Amino acid sequence: MTPPAESERTTPIVHPTGRVDAATAPSLEEELDALIAAGHQMIVVDLAETSYLSSSGLRTLLIAHRHMQDAGGTLSIRNANAKVMYVIALAGFDRILSIDDAPDATSNAIPGTQPMEHV
């Protein structure tokens, strides 16, 4: 479940907690849609308390990012842990989304994995 967004000055910060998956992504999408509709030019999604991000969660972030771009604003992702960042990078979204303070997605984010070499 996503706690209510807090404001840092006038920038809303959304804090999804636990798993962001098919069961919880719709509530995150509703919250982001409401903030976008309210005319915010900057929205921060703080993933510090997010333990898992599924394809549904990725889709939600991508759609919100596109809606913010269409409105001339920015959606910023921050504090993603290494496992969540690995999923974001694996999907290629690290090249699309605005990500602050991202851990190195090529590190051993998933136990037993090795950094990938870029060819």
PDB file of N, CA and C in Angstrom:
ATOM      1  N   MET A   1       0.844  -1.171   0.000  1.00  0.00           N
ATOM      2  CA  MET A   1       0.000   0.000   0.000  1.00  0.00           C
ATOM      3  C   MET A   1       0.892   1.238   0.000  1.00  0.00           C
ATOM      4  N   THR A   2       0.469   2.263  -0.658  1.00  0.00           N
ATOM      5  CA  THR A   2       1.230   3.494  -0.757  1.00  0.00           C
ATOM      6  C   THR A   2       0.712   4.495   0.263  1.00  0.00           C
ATOM      7  N   PRO A   3       1.590   4.957   1.195  1.00  0.00           N
ATOM      8  CA  PRO A   3       1.147   6.015   2.104  1.00  0.00           C
ATOM      9  C   PRO A   3       0.884   7.292   1.309  1.00  0.00           C
ATOM     10  N   PRO A   4       0.117   8.223   1.885  1.00  0.00           N
ATOM     11  CA  PRO A   4      -0.151   9.472   1.168  1.00  0.00           C
ATOM     12  C   PRO A   4       1.142  10.190   0.811  1.00  0.00           C
ATOM     13  N   ALA A   5       1.113  10.902  -0.299  1.00  0.00           N
ATOM     14  CA  ALA A   5       2.283  11.661  -0.730  1.00  0.00           C
ATOM     15  C   ALA A   5       2.550  12.775   0.267  1.00  0.00           C
ATOM     16  N   GLU A   6       3.837  13.014   0.517  1.00  0.00           N
ATOM     17  CA  GLU A   6       4.213  14.162   1.332  1.00  0.00           C
ATOM     18  C   GLU A   6       4.751  15.219   0.393  1.00  0.00           C
ATOM     19  N   SER A   7       4.837  16.435   0.859  1.00  0.00           N
ATOM     20  CA  SER A   7       5.364  17.493   0.012  1.00  0.00           C
ATOM     21  C   SER A   7       6.687  17.988   0.547  1.00  0.00           C
ATOM     22  N   GLU A   8       7.628  18.135  -0.332  1.00  0.00           N
ATOM     23  CA  GLU A   8       8.912  18.734  -0.030  1.00  0.00           C
ATOM     24  C   GLU A   8       8.871  20.055  -0.772  1.00  0.00           C
ATOM     25  N   ARG A   9       8.555  21.114  -0.046  1.00  0.00           N
ATOM     26  CA  ARG A   9       8.196  22.415  -0.626  1.00  0.00           C
ATOM     27  C   ARG A   9       6.919  22.196  -1.424  1.00  0.00           C
ATOM     28  N   THR A  10       6.933  22.294  -2.719  1.00  0.00           N
ATOM     29  CA  THR A  10       5.706  22.037  -3.486  1.00  0.00           C
ATOM     30  C   THR A  10       5.837  20.787  -4.342  1.00  0.00           C
ATOM     31  N   THR A  11       6.896  20.029  -4.154  1.00  0.00           N
ATOM     32  CA  THR A  11       7.093  18.797  -4.921  1.00  0.00           C
ATOM     33  C   THR A  11       6.550  17.618  -4.128  1.00  0.00           C
ATOM     34  N   PRO A  12       5.500  16.969  -4.626  1.00  0.00           N
ATOM     35  CA  PRO A  12       4.987  15.806  -3.908  1.00  0.00           C
ATOM     36  C   PRO A  12       5.967  14.635  -4.000  1.00  0.00           C
ATOM     37  N   ILE A  13       6.073  13.907  -2.898  1.00  0.00           N
ATOM     38  CA  ILE A  13       6.925  12.720  -2.838  1.00  0.00           C
ATOM     39  C   ILE A  13       6.031  11.542  -2.498  1.00  0.00           C
ATOM     40  N   VAL A  14       6.036  10.553  -3.356  1.00  0.00           N
ATOM     41  CA  VAL A  14       5.226   9.348  -3.182  1.00  0.00           C
ATOM     42  C   VAL A  14       6.146   8.252  -2.677  1.00  0.00           C
ATOM     43  N   HIS A  15       5.682   7.509  -1.653  1.00  0.00           N
ATOM     44  CA  HIS A  15       6.498   6.464  -1.022  1.00  0.00           C
ATOM     45  C   HIS A  15       5.828   5.091  -1.133  1.00  0.00           C
ATOM     46  N   PRO A  16       5.967   4.403  -2.262  1.00  0.00           N
ATOM     47  CA  PRO A  16       5.409   3.047  -2.318  1.00  0.00           C
ATOM     48  C   PRO A  16       6.166   2.140  -1.344  1.00  0.00           C
ATOM     49  N   THR A  17       5.447   1.305  -0.623  1.00  0.00           N
ATOM     50  CA  THR A  17       6.091   0.414   0.340  1.00  0.00           C
ATOM     51  C   THR A  17       5.836  -1.043  -0.018  1.00  0.00           C
ATOM     52  N   GLY A  18       6.811  -1.870   0.328  1.00  0.00           N
ATOM     53  CA  GLY A  18       6.672  -3.305   0.084  1.00  0.00           C
ATOM     54  C   GLY A  18       6.733  -3.637  -1.388  1.00  0.00           C
ATOM     55  N   ARG A  19       5.811  -4.474  -1.812  1.00  0.00           N
ATOM     56  CA  ARG A  19       5.767  -4.944  -3.195  1.00  0.00           C
ATOM     57  C   ARG A  19       4.922  -4.007  -4.057  1.00  0.00           C
ATOM     58  N   VAL A  20       5.471  -3.624  -5.215  1.00  0.00           N
ATOM     59  CA  VAL A  20       4.692  -2.890  -6.209  1.00  0.00           C
ATOM     60  C   VAL A  20       4.480  -3.880  -7.350  1.00  0.00           C
ATOM     61  N   ASP A  21       3.302  -4.494  -7.338  1.00  0.00           N
ATOM     62  CA  ASP A  21       2.996  -5.559  -8.284  1.00  0.00           C
ATOM     63  C   ASP A  21       1.577  -5.387  -8.805  1.00  0.00           C
ATOM     64  N   ALA A  22       1.039  -6.408  -9.424  1.00  0.00           N
ATOM     65  CA  ALA A  22      -0.295  -6.311 -10.032  1.00  0.00           C
ATOM     66  C   ALA A  22      -1.371  -5.956  -9.011  1.00  0.00           C
ATOM     67  N   ALA A  23      -1.172  -6.337  -7.759  1.00  0.00           N
ATOM     68  CA  ALA A  23      -2.175  -6.045  -6.731  1.00  0.00           C
ATOM     69  C   ALA A  23      -2.078  -4.608  -6.222  1.00  0.00           C
ATOM     70  N   THR A  24      -0.881  -4.038  -6.192  1.00  0.00           N
ATOM     71  CA  THR A  24      -0.692  -2.711  -5.589  1.00  0.00           C
ATOM     72  C   THR A  24      -0.428  -1.595  -6.593  1.00  0.00           C
ATOM     73  N   ALA A  25       0.012  -1.929  -7.792  1.00  0.00           N
ATOM     74  CA  ALA A  25       0.326  -0.904  -8.798  1.00  0.00           C
ATOM     75  C   ALA A  25      -0.873  -0.015  -9.145  1.00  0.00           C
ATOM     76  N   PRO A  26      -2.102  -0.545  -9.204  1.00  0.00           N
ATOM     77  CA  PRO A  26      -3.228   0.340  -9.528  1.00  0.00           C
ATOM     78  C   PRO A  26      -3.401   1.505  -8.540  1.00  0.00           C
ATOM     79  N   SER A  27      -3.174   1.272  -7.247  1.00  0.00           N
ATOM     80  CA  SER A  27      -3.319   2.373  -6.286  1.00  0.00           C
ATOM     81  C   SER A  27      -2.194   3.393  -6.463  1.00  0.00           C
ATOM     82  N   LEU A  28      -0.986   2.928  -6.797  1.00  0.00           N
ATOM     83  CA  LEU A  28       0.112   3.848  -7.090  1.00  0.00           C
ATOM     84  C   LEU A  28      -0.214   4.655  -8.343  1.00  0.00           C
ATOM     85  N   GLU A  29      -0.752   3.988  -9.357  1.00  0.00           N
ATOM     86  CA  GLU A  29      -1.113   4.674 -10.595  1.00  0.00           C
ATOM     87  C   GLU A  29      -2.179   5.748 -10.337  1.00  0.00           C
ATOM     88  N   GLU A  30      -3.166   5.426  -9.523  1.00  0.00           N
ATOM     89  CA  GLU A  30      -4.207   6.404  -9.184  1.00  0.00           C
ATOM     90  C   GLU A  30      -3.616   7.623  -8.478  1.00  0.00           C
ATOM     91  N   GLU A  31      -2.712   7.374  -7.538  1.00  0.00           N
ATOM     92  CA  GLU A  31      -2.092   8.479  -6.804  1.00  0.00           C
ATOM     93  C   GLU A  31      -1.264   9.359  -7.735  1.00  0.00           C
ATOM     94  N   LEU A  32      -0.467   8.741  -8.604  1.00  0.00           N
ATOM     95  CA  LEU A  32       0.347   9.511  -9.543  1.00  0.00           C
ATOM     96  C   LEU A  32      -0.535  10.274 -10.528  1.00  0.00           C
ATOM     97  N   ASP A  33      -1.586   9.627 -11.021  1.00  0.00           N
ATOM     98  CA  ASP A  33      -2.509  10.298 -11.950  1.00  0.00           C
ATOM     99  C   ASP A  33      -3.144  11.534 -11.305  1.00  0.00           C
ATOM    100  N   ALA A  34      -3.517  11.417 -10.029  1.00  0.00           N
ATOM    101  CA  ALA A  34      -4.137  12.546  -9.331  1.00  0.00           C
ATOM    102  C   ALA A  34      -3.145  13.705  -9.187  1.00  0.00           C
ATOM    103  N   LEU A  35      -1.889  13.392  -8.893  1.00  0.00           N
ATOM    104  CA  LEU A  35      -0.869  14.439  -8.756  1.00  0.00           C
ATOM    105  C   LEU A  35      -0.589  15.106 -10.101  1.00  0.00           C
ATOM    106  N   ILE A  36      -0.564  14.308 -11.152  1.00  0.00           N
ATOM    107  CA  ILE A  36      -0.342  14.854 -12.505  1.00  0.00           C
ATOM    108  C   ILE A  36      -1.520  15.752 -12.885  1.00  0.00           C
ATOM    109  N   ALA A  37      -2.735  15.270 -12.628  1.00  0.00           N
ATOM    110  CA  ALA A  37      -3.939  16.046 -12.950  1.00  0.00           C
ATOM    111  C   ALA A  37      -3.999  17.347 -12.158  1.00  0.00           C
ATOM    112  N   ALA A  38      -3.389  17.347 -10.969  1.00  0.00           N
ATOM    113  CA  ALA A  38      -3.370  18.555 -10.134  1.00  0.00           C
ATOM    114  C   ALA A  38      -2.386  19.596 -10.665  1.00  0.00           C
ATOM    115  N   GLY A  39      -1.613  19.218 -11.671  1.00  0.00           N
ATOM    116  CA  GLY A  39      -0.724  20.184 -12.319  1.00  0.00           C
ATOM    117  C   GLY A  39       0.677  20.271 -11.769  1.00  0.00           C
ATOM    118  N   HIS A  40       1.083  19.310 -10.963  1.00  0.00           N
ATOM    119  CA  HIS A  40       2.457  19.323 -10.442  1.00  0.00           C
ATOM    120  C   HIS A  40       3.448  19.158 -11.585  1.00  0.00           C
ATOM    121  N   GLN A  41       4.473  19.972 -11.594  1.00  0.00           N
ATOM    122  CA  GLN A  41       5.499  19.903 -12.634  1.00  0.00           C
ATOM    123  C   GLN A  41       6.643  18.975 -12.256  1.00  0.00           C
ATOM    124  N   MET A  42       6.708  18.568 -11.002  1.00  0.00           N
ATOM    125  CA  MET A  42       7.736  17.639 -10.526  1.00  0.00           C
ATOM    126  C   MET A  42       7.085  16.718  -9.515  1.00  0.00           C
ATOM    127  N   ILE A  43       7.278  15.421  -9.712  1.00  0.00           N
ATOM    128  CA  ILE A  43       6.805  14.421  -8.755  1.00  0.00           C
ATOM    129  C   ILE A  43       7.985  13.491  -8.490  1.00  0.00           C
ATOM    130  N   VAL A  44       8.223  13.197  -7.218  1.00  0.00           N
ATOM    131  CA  VAL A  44       9.292  12.272  -6.827  1.00  0.00           C
ATOM    132  C   VAL A  44       8.650  10.976  -6.341  1.00  0.00           C
ATOM    133  N   VAL A  45       9.156   9.859  -6.836  1.00  0.00           N
ATOM    134  CA  VAL A  45       8.748   8.551  -6.341  1.00  0.00           C
ATOM    135  C   VAL A  45       9.954   8.000  -5.579  1.00  0.00           C
ATOM    136  N   ASP A  46       9.810   7.934  -4.256  1.00  0.00           N
ATOM    137  CA  ASP A  46      10.882   7.474  -3.376  1.00  0.00           C
ATOM    138  C   ASP A  46      10.685   5.984  -3.128  1.00  0.00           C
ATOM    139  N   LEU A  47      11.582   5.180  -3.666  1.00  0.00           N
ATOM    140  CA  LEU A  47      11.452   3.721  -3.596  1.00  0.00           C
ATOM    141  C   LEU A  47      12.236   3.105  -2.436  1.00  0.00           C
ATOM    142  N   ALA A  48      12.593   3.909  -1.441  1.00  0.00           N
ATOM    143  CA  ALA A  48      13.397   3.423  -0.317  1.00  0.00           C
ATOM    144  C   ALA A  48      12.739   2.248   0.408  1.00  0.00           C
ATOM    145  N   GLU A  49      11.417   2.253   0.493  1.00  0.00           N
ATOM    146  CA  GLU A  49      10.697   1.197   1.200  1.00  0.00           C
ATOM    147  C   GLU A  49      10.070   0.176   0.261  1.00  0.00           C
ATOM    148  N   THR A  50      10.468   0.222  -1.017  1.00  0.00           N
ATOM    149  CA  THR A  50       9.941  -0.728  -2.006  1.00  0.00           C
ATOM    150  C   THR A  50      10.882  -1.920  -2.075  1.00  0.00           C
ATOM    151  N   SER A  51      10.357  -3.098  -1.787  1.00  0.00           N
ATOM    152  CA  SER A  51      11.185  -4.305  -1.769  1.00  0.00           C
ATOM    153  C   SER A  51      11.136  -5.080  -3.080  1.00  0.00           C
ATOM    154  N   TYR A  52      10.091  -4.836  -3.883  1.00  0.00           N
ATOM    155  CA  TYR A  52       9.904  -5.614  -5.114  1.00  0.00           C
ATOM    156  C   TYR A  52       9.165  -4.748  -6.123  1.00  0.00           C
ATOM    157  N   LEU A  53       9.593  -4.822  -7.368  1.00  0.00           N
ATOM    158  CA  LEU A  53       8.948  -4.072  -8.445  1.00  0.00           C
ATOM    159  C   LEU A  53       8.697  -5.034  -9.602  1.00  0.00           C
ATOM    160  N   SER A  54       7.431  -5.277  -9.890  1.00  0.00           N
ATOM    161  CA  SER A  54       7.072  -6.195 -10.971  1.00  0.00           C
ATOM    162  C   SER A  54       6.904  -5.426 -12.271  1.00  0.00           C
ATOM    163  N   SER A  55       6.556  -6.138 -13.323  1.00  0.00           N
ATOM    164  CA  SER A  55       6.294  -5.485 -14.604  1.00  0.00           C
ATOM    165  C   SER A  55       5.119  -4.518 -14.494  1.00  0.00           C
ATOM    166  N   SER A  56       4.163  -4.800 -13.627  1.00  0.00           N
ATOM    167  CA  SER A  56       3.040  -3.881 -13.412  1.00  0.00           C
ATOM    168  C   SER A  56       3.530  -2.579 -12.788  1.00  0.00           C
ATOM    169  N   GLY A  57       4.466  -2.679 -11.863  1.00  0.00           N
ATOM    170  CA  GLY A  57       5.049  -1.490 -11.252  1.00  0.00           C
ATOM    171  C   GLY A  57       5.866  -0.697 -12.246  1.00  0.00           C
ATOM    172  N   LEU A  58       6.628  -1.404 -13.075  1.00  0.00           N
ATOM    173  CA  LEU A  58       7.404  -0.737 -14.126  1.00  0.00           C
ATOM    174  C   LEU A  58       6.475   0.003 -15.087  1.00  0.00           C
ATOM    175  N   ARG A  59       5.396  -0.641 -15.472  1.00  0.00           N
ATOM    176  CA  ARG A  59       4.419  -0.037 -16.375  1.00  0.00           C
ATOM    177  C   ARG A  59       3.847   1.235 -15.761  1.00  0.00           C
ATOM    178  N   THR A  60       3.515   1.183 -14.485  1.00  0.00           N
ATOM    179  CA  THR A  60       2.967   2.348 -13.791  1.00  0.00           C
ATOM    180  C   THR A  60       3.944   3.515 -13.820  1.00  0.00           C
ATOM    181  N   LEU A  61       5.223   3.234 -13.548  1.00  0.00           N
ATOM    182  CA  LEU A  61       6.234   4.294 -13.564  1.00  0.00           C
ATOM    183  C   LEU A  61       6.412   4.854 -14.970  1.00  0.00           C
ATOM    184  N   LEU A  62       6.420   3.990 -15.967  1.00  0.00           N
ATOM    185  CA  LEU A  62       6.601   4.439 -17.346  1.00  0.00           C
ATOM    186  C   LEU A  62       5.427   5.308 -17.807  1.00  0.00           C
ATOM    187  N   ILE A  63       4.225   4.886 -17.504  1.00  0.00           N
ATOM    188  CA  ILE A  63       3.045   5.672 -17.895  1.00  0.00           C
ATOM    189  C   ILE A  63       3.063   7.031 -17.211  1.00  0.00           C
ATOM    190  N   ALA A  64       3.372   7.058 -15.919  1.00  0.00           N
ATOM    191  CA  ALA A  64       3.435   8.335 -15.197  1.00  0.00           C
ATOM    192  C   ALA A  64       4.530   9.221 -15.782  1.00  0.00           C
ATOM    193  N   HIS A  65       5.661   8.623 -16.124  1.00  0.00           N
ATOM    194  CA  HIS A  65       6.757   9.373 -16.747  1.00  0.00           C
ATOM    195  C   HIS A  65       6.288  10.013 -18.050  1.00  0.00           C
ATOM    196  N   ARG A  66       5.606   9.248 -18.883  1.00  0.00           N
ATOM    197  CA  ARG A  66       5.119   9.768 -20.173  1.00  0.00           C
ATOM    198  C   ARG A  66       4.071  10.860 -19.989  1.00  0.00           C
ATOM    199  N   HIS A  67       3.169  10.676 -19.024  1.00  0.00           N
ATOM    200  CA  HIS A  67       2.162  11.709 -18.757  1.00  0.00           C
ATOM    201  C   HIS A  67       2.826  12.991 -18.268  1.00  0.00           C
ATOM    202  N   MET A  68       3.850  12.846 -17.424  1.00  0.00           N
ATOM    203  CA  MET A  68       4.564  14.031 -16.937  1.00  0.00           C
ATOM    204  C   MET A  68       5.286  14.729 -18.092  1.00  0.00           C
ATOM    205  N   GLN A  69       5.910  13.966 -18.973  1.00  0.00           N
ATOM    206  CA  GLN A  69       6.576  14.559 -20.138  1.00  0.00           C
ATOM    207  C   GLN A  69       5.568  15.316 -20.999  1.00  0.00           C
ATOM    208  N   ASP A  70       4.421  14.706 -21.236  1.00  0.00           N
ATOM    209  CA  ASP A  70       3.377  15.352 -22.045  1.00  0.00           C
ATOM    210  C   ASP A  70       2.921  16.665 -21.417  1.00  0.00           C
ATOM    211  N   ALA A  71       2.954  16.724 -20.088  1.00  0.00           N
ATOM    212  CA  ALA A  71       2.525  17.922 -19.366  1.00  0.00           C
ATOM    213  C   ALA A  71       3.682  18.901 -19.146  1.00  0.00           C
ATOM    214  N   GLY A  72       4.864  18.564 -19.668  1.00  0.00           N
ATOM    215  CA  GLY A  72       6.024  19.442 -19.507  1.00  0.00           C
ATOM    216  C   GLY A  72       6.693  19.327 -18.152  1.00  0.00           C
ATOM    217  N   GLY A  73       6.416  18.242 -17.446  1.00  0.00           N
ATOM    218  CA  GLY A  73       6.984  18.052 -16.113  1.00  0.00           C
ATOM    219  C   GLY A  73       7.966  16.899 -16.055  1.00  0.00           C
ATOM    220  N   THR A  74       8.378  16.559 -14.829  1.00  0.00           N
ATOM    221  CA  THR A  74       9.363  15.506 -14.611  1.00  0.00           C
ATOM    222  C   THR A  74       8.905  14.580 -13.501  1.00  0.00           C
ATOM    223  N   LEU A  75       9.039  13.292 -13.734  1.00  0.00           N
ATOM    224  CA  LEU A  75       8.860  12.273 -12.708  1.00  0.00           C
ATOM    225  C   LEU A  75      10.256  11.790 -12.350  1.00  0.00           C
ATOM    226  N   SER A  76      10.619  11.890 -11.089  1.00  0.00           N
ATOM    227  CA  SER A  76      11.953  11.503 -10.654  1.00  0.00           C
ATOM    228  C   SER A  76      11.859  10.322  -9.699  1.00  0.00           C
ATOM    229  N   ILE A  77      12.691   9.327  -9.941  1.00  0.00           N
ATOM    230  CA  ILE A  77      12.755   8.135  -9.096  1.00  0.00           C
ATOM    231  C   ILE A  77      13.986   8.277  -8.204  1.00  0.00           C
ATOM    232  N   ARG A  78      13.828   7.964  -6.912  1.00  0.00           N
ATOM    233  CA  ARG A  78      15.008   8.009  -6.058  1.00  0.00           C
ATOM    234  C   ARG A  78      14.967   6.918  -5.002  1.00  0.00           C
ATOM    235  N   ASN A  79      16.147   6.643  -4.466  1.00  0.00           N
ATOM    236  CA  ASN A  79      16.347   5.690  -3.369  1.00  0.00           C
ATOM    237  C   ASN A  79      15.932   4.259  -3.698  1.00  0.00           C
ATOM    238  N   ALA A  80      16.042   3.857  -4.954  1.00  0.00           N
ATOM    239  CA  ALA A  80      15.766   2.457  -5.305  1.00  0.00           C
ATOM    240  C   ALA A  80      16.905   1.600  -4.772  1.00  0.00           C
ATOM    241  N   ASN A  81      16.562   0.518  -4.084  1.00  0.00           N
ATOM    242  CA  ASN A  81      17.622  -0.379  -3.615  1.00  0.00           C
ATOM    243  C   ASN A  81      18.207  -1.134  -4.806  1.00  0.00           C
ATOM    244  N   ALA A  82      19.278  -1.851  -4.578  1.00  0.00           N
ATOM    245  CA  ALA A  82      19.997  -2.513  -5.670  1.00  0.00           C
ATOM    246  C   ALA A  82      19.121  -3.517  -6.415  1.00  0.00           C
ATOM    247  N   LYS A  83      18.281  -4.263  -5.702  1.00  0.00           N
ATOM    248  CA  LYS A  83      17.425  -5.258  -6.368  1.00  0.00           C
ATOM    249  C   LYS A  83      16.374  -4.595  -7.248  1.00  0.00           C
ATOM    250  N   VAL A  84      15.759  -3.536  -6.742  1.00  0.00           N
ATOM    251  CA  VAL A  84      14.755  -2.816  -7.531  1.00  0.00           C
ATOM    252  C   VAL A  84      15.427  -2.129  -8.716  1.00  0.00           C
ATOM    253  N   MET A  85      16.600  -1.553  -8.481  1.00  0.00           N
ATOM    254  CA  MET A  85      17.326  -0.895  -9.568  1.00  0.00           C
ATOM    255  C   MET A  85      17.735  -1.902 -10.642  1.00  0.00           C
ATOM    256  N   TYR A  86      18.065  -3.110 -10.227  1.00  0.00           N
ATOM    257  CA  TYR A  86      18.424  -4.162 -11.180  1.00  0.00           C
ATOM    258  C   TYR A  86      17.253  -4.447 -12.123  1.00  0.00           C
ATOM    259  N   VAL A  87      16.043  -4.515 -11.575  1.00  0.00           N
ATOM    260  CA  VAL A  87      14.839  -4.765 -12.388  1.00  0.00           C
ATOM    261  C   VAL A  87      14.604  -3.596 -13.339  1.00  0.00           C
ATOM    262  N   ILE A  88      14.758  -2.378 -12.831  1.00  0.00           N
ATOM    263  CA  ILE A  88      14.582  -1.184 -13.671  1.00  0.00           C
ATOM    264  C   ILE A  88      15.585  -1.201 -14.824  1.00  0.00           C
ATOM    265  N   ALA A  89      16.846  -1.512 -14.507  1.00  0.00           N
ATOM    266  CA  ALA A  89      17.890  -1.536 -15.533  1.00  0.00           C
ATOM    267  C   ALA A  89      17.697  -2.693 -16.508  1.00  0.00           C
ATOM    268  N   LEU A  90      17.288  -3.846 -16.000  1.00  0.00           N
ATOM    269  CA  LEU A  90      17.066  -5.019 -16.858  1.00  0.00           C
ATOM    270  C   LEU A  90      16.008  -4.722 -17.916  1.00  0.00           C
ATOM    271  N   ALA A  91      15.000  -3.956 -17.537  1.00  0.00           N
ATOM    272  CA  ALA A  91      13.942  -3.566 -18.478  1.00  0.00           C
ATOM    273  C   ALA A  91      14.381  -2.421 -19.392  1.00  0.00           C
ATOM    274  N   GLY A  92      15.543  -1.833 -19.112  1.00  0.00           N
ATOM    275  CA  GLY A  92      16.034  -0.715 -19.918  1.00  0.00           C
ATOM    276  C   GLY A  92      15.442   0.622 -19.502  1.00  0.00           C
ATOM    277  N   PHE A  93      14.692   0.628 -18.407  1.00  0.00           N
ATOM    278  CA  PHE A  93      14.035   1.856 -17.965  1.00  0.00           C
ATOM    279  C   PHE A  93      15.009   2.839 -17.327  1.00  0.00           C
ATOM    280  N   ASP A  94      16.206   2.386 -16.986  1.00  0.00           N
ATOM    281  CA  ASP A  94      17.202   3.311 -16.436  1.00  0.00           C
ATOM    282  C   ASP A  94      17.650   4.321 -17.489  1.00  0.00           C
ATOM    283  N   ARG A  95      17.386   4.019 -18.757  1.00  0.00           N
ATOM    284  CA  ARG A  95      17.725   4.951 -19.843  1.00  0.00           C
ATOM    285  C   ARG A  95      16.543   5.853 -20.205  1.00  0.00           C
ATOM    286  N   ILE A  96      15.393   5.580 -19.598  1.00  0.00           N
ATOM    287  CA  ILE A  96      14.183   6.338 -19.906  1.00  0.00           C
ATOM    288  C   ILE A  96      13.783   7.233 -18.735  1.00  0.00           C
ATOM    289  N   LEU A  97      13.756   6.652 -17.550  1.00  0.00           N
ATOM    290  CA  LEU A  97      13.298   7.367 -16.358  1.00  0.00           C
ATOM    291  C   LEU A  97      14.397   8.267 -15.800  1.00  0.00           C
ATOM    292  N   SER A  98      13.991   9.301 -15.100  1.00  0.00           N
ATOM    293  CA  SER A  98      14.929  10.169 -14.392  1.00  0.00           C
ATOM    294  C   SER A  98      15.171   9.544 -13.022  1.00  0.00           C
ATOM    295  N   ILE A  99      16.389   9.042 -12.800  1.00  0.00           N
ATOM    296  CA  ILE A  99      16.696   8.318 -11.573  1.00  0.00           C
ATOM    297  C   ILE A  99      17.817   9.035 -10.836  1.00  0.00           C
ATOM    298  N   ASP A 100      17.533   9.388  -9.583  1.00  0.00           N
ATOM    299  CA  ASP A 100      18.524  10.036  -8.721  1.00  0.00           C
ATOM    300  C   ASP A 100      19.123   9.008  -7.779  1.00  0.00           C
ATOM    301  N   ASP A 101      20.394   9.153  -7.488  1.00  0.00           N
ATOM    302  CA  ASP A 101      21.073   8.310  -6.502  1.00  0.00           C
ATOM    303  C   ASP A 101      20.912   6.822  -6.787  1.00  0.00           C
ATOM    304  N   ALA A 102      21.030   6.431  -8.032  1.00  0.00           N
ATOM    305  CA  ALA A 102      20.843   5.028  -8.403  1.00  0.00           C
ATOM    306  C   ALA A 102      22.099   4.224  -8.098  1.00  0.00           C
ATOM    307  N   PRO A 103      21.941   3.080  -7.414  1.00  0.00           N
ATOM    308  CA  PRO A 103      23.096   2.198  -7.257  1.00  0.00           C
ATOM    309  C   PRO A 103      23.475   1.622  -8.618  1.00  0.00           C
ATOM    310  N   ASP A 104      24.681   1.148  -8.742  1.00  0.00           N
ATOM    311  CA  ASP A 104      25.147   0.567  -9.994  1.00  0.00           C
ATOM    312  C   ASP A 104      24.330  -0.680 -10.304  1.00  0.00           C
ATOM    313  N   ALA A 105      23.548  -0.630 -11.349  1.00  0.00           N
ATOM    314  CA  ALA A 105      22.668  -1.746 -11.710  1.00  0.00           C
ATOM    315  C   ALA A 105      23.447  -2.953 -12.208  1.00  0.00           C
ATOM    316  N   THR A 106      24.723  -2.797 -12.497  1.00  0.00           N
ATOM    317  CA  THR A 106      25.506  -3.944 -12.970  1.00  0.00           C
ATOM    318  C   THR A 106      26.213  -4.638 -11.818  1.00  0.00           C
ATOM    319  N   SER A 107      25.982  -4.177 -10.593  1.00  0.00           N
ATOM    320  CA  SER A 107      26.602  -4.836  -9.443  1.00  0.00           C
ATOM    321  C   SER A 107      25.879  -6.148  -9.173  1.00  0.00           C
ATOM    322  N   ASN A 108      26.321  -6.855  -8.179  1.00  0.00           N
ATOM    323  CA  ASN A 108      25.683  -8.121  -7.832  1.00  0.00           C
ATOM    324  C   ASN A 108      24.394  -7.863  -7.068  1.00  0.00           C
ATOM    325  N   ALA A 109      23.431  -7.257  -7.722  1.00  0.00           N
ATOM    326  CA  ALA A 109      22.170  -6.907  -7.084  1.00  0.00           C
ATOM    327  C   ALA A 109      21.373  -8.147  -6.703  1.00  0.00           C
ATOM    328  N   ILE A 110      21.458  -9.167  -7.495  1.00  0.00           N
ATOM    329  CA  ILE A 110      20.762 -10.407  -7.230  1.00  0.00           C
ATOM    330  C   ILE A 110      21.813 -11.428  -6.821  1.00  0.00           C
ATOM    331  N   PRO A 111      21.640 -12.044  -5.633  1.00  0.00           N
ATOM    332  CA  PRO A 111      22.650 -13.014  -5.195  1.00  0.00           C
ATOM    333  C   PRO A 111      22.909 -14.070  -6.266  1.00  0.00           C
ATOM    334  N   GLY A 112      24.179 -14.335  -6.498  1.00  0.00           N
ATOM    335  CA  GLY A 112      24.567 -15.343  -7.473  1.00  0.00           C
ATOM    336  C   GLY A 112      24.713 -14.823  -8.882  1.00  0.00           C
ATOM    337  N   THR A 113      24.461 -13.539  -9.107  1.00  0.00           N
ATOM    338  CA  THR A 113      24.622 -12.986 -10.448  1.00  0.00           C
ATOM    339  C   THR A 113      25.956 -12.271 -10.540  1.00  0.00           C
ATOM    340  N   GLN A 114      26.418 -12.093 -11.728  1.00  0.00           N
ATOM    341  CA  GLN A 114      27.668 -11.392 -11.990  1.00  0.00           C
ATOM    342  C   GLN A 114      27.365 -10.165 -12.835  1.00  0.00           C
ATOM    343  N   PRO A 115      28.209  -9.151 -12.752  1.00  0.00           N
ATOM    344  CA  PRO A 115      28.007  -7.980 -13.614  1.00  0.00           C
ATOM    345  C   PRO A 115      27.997  -8.393 -15.080  1.00  0.00           C
ATOM    346  N   MET A 116      27.154  -7.754 -15.853  1.00  0.00           N
ATOM    347  CA  MET A 116      27.070  -8.021 -17.266  1.00  0.00           C
ATOM    348  C   MET A 116      28.091  -7.162 -18.000  1.00  0.00           C
ATOM    349  N   GLU A 117      28.727  -7.728 -18.986  1.00  0.00           N
ATOM    350  CA  GLU A 117      29.644  -6.944 -19.816  1.00  0.00           C
ATOM    351  C   GLU A 117      28.838  -6.340 -20.957  1.00  0.00           C
ATOM    352  N   HIS A 118      29.102  -5.079 -21.222  1.00  0.00           N
ATOM    353  CA  HIS A 118      28.427  -4.414 -22.332  1.00  0.00           C
ATOM    354  C   HIS A 118      29.281  -4.570 -23.569  1.00  0.00           C
ATOM    355  N   VAL A 119      28.657  -5.046 -24.634  1.00  0.00           N
ATOM    356  CA  VAL A 119      29.378  -5.280 -25.881  1.00  0.00           C
ATOM    357  C   VAL A 119      29.177  -4.138 -26.814  1.00  0.00           C
TER     358      VAL A 119
END
